Amino acid sequence: MASLWRVFVRLLAMALLLAVAASCDLQWKGGKSGSGRGVAPFSDGDRWRPGPVSIRVYPSSRLGVHDGQWFLEGFVELLDDMGDSVKGVGTLQFELFRATTLETEGPGQRLYVWNVRLHTLADQQRHYDATLRTYQFRLKIYALPNDVEEVVLRVMYENEEGYRMDAEARLPGRIEG
């Protein structure tokens, strides 16, 4: 009899929780599908499938030196229509420019360019950090001009359908070490 009473109390508690949840105006994270930033290449009327529509260069991207070897450590996040991190299949192009003195002038002389493919499962496993939910890259730099105080990192992503997006970040050109 006691076990029947426990089952009844649990069912009553679940029904009460469902009733409370139904009376609240609950929404899925990010609002309704397709309510993101403009028209996405992954939207088709009422149907939506997750895929990258924007890119962000993390502020933790930096230049560094390890055992005398300069490198660019880039952290890149691909975002879907709802602003959530997603993985993408495509190619990332990293460009490192000498920064100009005025923001309106844009990047100056291109110093380096790297192309990184994200086409295979091995590529994804090599570069994607599930904890940070970003792609992480360590790219070799063989030399930087001594007078470079600041650089501009531009990252461009192109998916398999040819849709392109890019983002930029300014980084210090000289580091202690």
Protein backbone atom coordinates (compact mmCIF):
# COMPACT_ATOMS: atom_id res chain seq x y z
CA MET A 1 0.00 0.00 0.00
CA ALA A 2 2.85 2.38 0.84
CA SER A 3 4.50 1.85 -2.57
CA LEU A 4 1.21 2.60 -4.36
CA TRP A 5 0.93 5.81 -2.33
CA ARG A 6 4.52 6.83 -3.37
CA VAL A 7 3.70 6.24 -7.04
CA PHE A 8 0.55 8.34 -6.71
CA VAL A 9 2.45 11.21 -5.00
CA ARG A 10 5.18 11.16 -7.68
CA LEU A 11 2.62 11.23 -10.50
CA LEU A 12 0.79 14.09 -8.80
CA ALA A 13 4.07 16.03 -8.37
CA MET A 14 4.98 15.51 -12.06
CA ALA A 15 1.51 16.64 -13.14
CA LEU A 16 1.83 19.73 -10.96
CA LEU A 17 5.27 20.55 -12.44
CA LEU A 18 3.94 20.15 -15.99
CA ALA A 19 0.99 22.40 -15.22
CA VAL A 20 3.29 25.11 -13.82
CA ALA A 21 5.65 24.82 -16.80
CA ALA A 22 2.74 25.03 -19.25
CA SER A 23 1.39 28.17 -17.59
CA CYS A 24 4.75 29.97 -17.94
CA ASP A 25 5.70 31.67 -21.19
CA LEU A 26 8.73 29.46 -21.86
CA GLN A 27 10.86 29.87 -24.99
CA TRP A 28 13.74 27.84 -26.34
CA LYS A 29 17.18 29.40 -26.01
CA GLY A 30 17.69 32.05 -28.67
CA GLY A 31 14.00 32.63 -29.35
CA LYS A 32 12.25 31.29 -32.41
CA SER A 33 14.26 29.65 -35.18
CA GLY A 34 15.35 32.07 -37.86
CA SER A 35 15.03 35.14 -35.64
CA GLY A 36 18.78 35.73 -35.75
CA ARG A 37 20.86 38.15 -37.82
CA GLY A 38 19.27 38.46 -41.24
CA VAL A 39 18.88 35.77 -43.86
CA ALA A 40 21.06 32.75 -43.21
CA PRO A 41 22.21 30.33 -45.89
CA PHE A 42 20.68 27.58 -43.75
CA SER A 43 17.13 29.02 -43.59
CA ASP A 44 14.46 27.94 -46.03
CA GLY A 45 11.10 29.39 -45.08
CA ASP A 46 9.93 27.59 -41.96
CA ARG A 47 12.73 25.02 -42.03
CA TRP A 48 16.02 25.69 -40.32
CA ARG A 49 19.15 23.63 -39.93
CA PRO A 50 22.05 24.66 -37.72
CA GLY A 51 25.13 25.97 -39.46
CA PRO A 52 27.57 28.86 -39.19
CA VAL A 53 26.25 32.30 -40.19
CA SER A 54 28.84 34.45 -38.41
CA ILE A 55 32.37 34.22 -37.06
CA ARG A 56 34.14 35.70 -34.05
CA VAL A 57 37.83 35.99 -33.24
CA TYR A 58 38.23 35.44 -29.50
CA PRO A 59 40.03 38.19 -27.56
CA SER A 60 42.41 35.53 -26.20
CA SER A 61 43.99 35.20 -29.67
CA ARG A 62 47.60 36.31 -29.40
CA LEU A 63 51.15 36.25 -30.69
CA GLY A 64 53.57 34.19 -28.66
CA VAL A 65 57.05 32.70 -28.53
CA HIS A 66 57.91 29.16 -27.46
CA ASP A 67 61.50 27.84 -27.58
CA GLY A 68 62.47 30.78 -29.77
CA GLN A 69 59.68 30.09 -32.32
CA TRP A 70 57.09 32.82 -32.90
CA PHE A 71 53.49 31.70 -33.41
CA LEU A 72 49.99 33.05 -33.77
CA GLU A 73 47.52 31.37 -31.45
CA GLY A 74 44.09 32.00 -32.89
CA PHE A 75 40.77 31.15 -31.26
CA VAL A 76 37.82 31.27 -33.65
CA GLU A 77 34.14 30.68 -32.92
CA LEU A 78 31.52 29.93 -35.56
CA LEU A 79 27.99 30.97 -34.58
CA ASP A 80 24.57 29.91 -35.83
CA ASP A 81 21.43 32.02 -36.31
CA MET A 82 20.70 31.95 -32.59
CA GLY A 83 24.21 33.04 -31.58
CA ASP A 84 25.23 29.59 -30.38
CA SER A 85 28.60 27.97 -31.12
CA VAL A 86 28.57 25.41 -33.94
CA LYS A 87 31.07 23.39 -35.91
CA GLY A 88 31.46 24.00 -39.61
CA VAL A 89 32.88 22.24 -42.65
CA GLY A 90 34.94 24.54 -44.83
CA THR A 91 38.19 26.47 -44.97
CA LEU A 92 39.57 29.15 -42.67
CA GLN A 93 42.02 31.72 -43.97
CA PHE A 94 44.10 33.62 -41.41
CA GLU A 95 45.74 36.87 -42.51
CA LEU A 96 48.09 38.86 -40.32
CA PHE A 97 48.53 42.52 -41.25
CA ARG A 98 50.61 45.40 -39.95
CA ALA A 99 48.12 47.62 -38.13
CA THR A 100 47.68 51.19 -39.38
CA THR A 101 47.46 54.15 -37.05
CA LEU A 102 43.84 55.08 -37.80
CA GLU A 103 40.92 52.67 -37.41
CA THR A 104 39.38 53.96 -40.65
CA GLU A 105 42.43 53.06 -42.72
CA GLY A 106 41.92 49.34 -42.22
CA PRO A 107 44.75 46.84 -42.18
CA GLY A 108 48.12 47.73 -43.63
CA GLN A 109 50.78 45.52 -45.22
CA ARG A 110 49.99 41.80 -45.16
CA LEU A 111 52.66 39.94 -43.20
CA TYR A 112 51.41 36.32 -43.22
CA VAL A 113 48.61 34.17 -44.59
CA TRP A 114 47.63 30.62 -43.61
CA ASN A 115 44.85 28.39 -44.98
CA VAL A 116 43.40 25.68 -42.74
CA ARG A 117 40.95 23.05 -43.97
CA LEU A 118 38.11 21.82 -41.76
CA HIS A 119 36.80 19.11 -44.07
CA THR A 120 37.39 15.82 -42.28
CA LEU A 121 36.58 14.38 -38.89
CA ALA A 122 40.34 14.35 -38.17
CA ASP A 123 40.49 18.10 -38.96
CA GLN A 124 37.64 18.76 -36.52
CA GLN A 125 39.24 16.64 -33.79
CA ARG A 126 42.61 18.35 -34.27
CA HIS A 127 41.33 21.94 -34.04
CA TYR A 128 38.02 22.03 -32.13
CA ASP A 129 38.17 22.57 -28.36
CA ALA A 130 34.93 21.24 -26.88
CA THR A 131 35.52 22.97 -23.53
CA LEU A 132 35.93 26.45 -25.03
CA ARG A 133 33.56 25.66 -27.93
CA THR A 134 36.02 27.29 -30.32
CA TYR A 135 38.51 26.25 -32.94
CA GLN A 136 42.09 26.69 -31.76
CA PHE A 137 45.08 27.09 -34.07
CA ARG A 138 48.80 27.54 -33.44
CA LEU A 139 50.36 28.90 -36.64
CA LYS A 140 54.11 29.42 -37.11
CA ILE A 141 55.57 32.86 -37.71
CA TYR A 142 59.12 32.86 -39.00
CA ALA A 143 59.87 36.56 -38.49
CA LEU A 144 58.11 39.84 -37.80
CA PRO A 145 59.56 43.24 -38.70
CA ASN A 146 61.06 44.86 -35.60
CA ASP A 147 58.93 48.00 -35.93
CA VAL A 148 55.56 46.20 -35.76
CA GLU A 149 53.78 47.47 -32.64
CA GLU A 150 50.33 46.13 -33.40
CA VAL A 151 48.85 43.67 -35.91
CA VAL A 152 45.40 43.00 -37.34
CA LEU A 153 44.28 39.38 -37.51
CA ARG A 154 41.61 38.79 -40.16
CA VAL A 155 39.95 35.38 -40.27
CA MET A 156 37.73 34.40 -43.20
CA TYR A 157 35.59 31.25 -43.21
CA GLU A 158 34.15 29.77 -46.39
CA ASN A 159 31.76 26.83 -46.18
CA GLU A 160 31.31 24.13 -48.82
CA GLU A 161 28.52 26.09 -50.54
CA GLY A 162 30.81 29.10 -51.01
CA TYR A 163 29.19 31.29 -48.32
CA ARG A 164 31.86 33.54 -46.77
CA MET A 165 32.12 35.45 -43.51
CA ASP A 166 35.01 37.17 -41.78
CA ALA A 167 36.06 38.85 -38.55
CA GLU A 168 39.05 40.92 -37.40
CA ALA A 169 40.89 41.56 -34.16
CA ARG A 170 43.77 43.88 -33.25
CA LEU A 171 46.63 42.22 -31.36
CA PRO A 172 49.87 43.54 -29.85
CA GLY A 173 52.75 42.99 -32.31
CA ARG A 174 55.44 42.72 -29.68
CA ILE A 175 55.39 40.57 -26.59
CA GLU A 176 57.64 40.22 -23.59
CA GLY A 177 59.70 37.10 -23.65
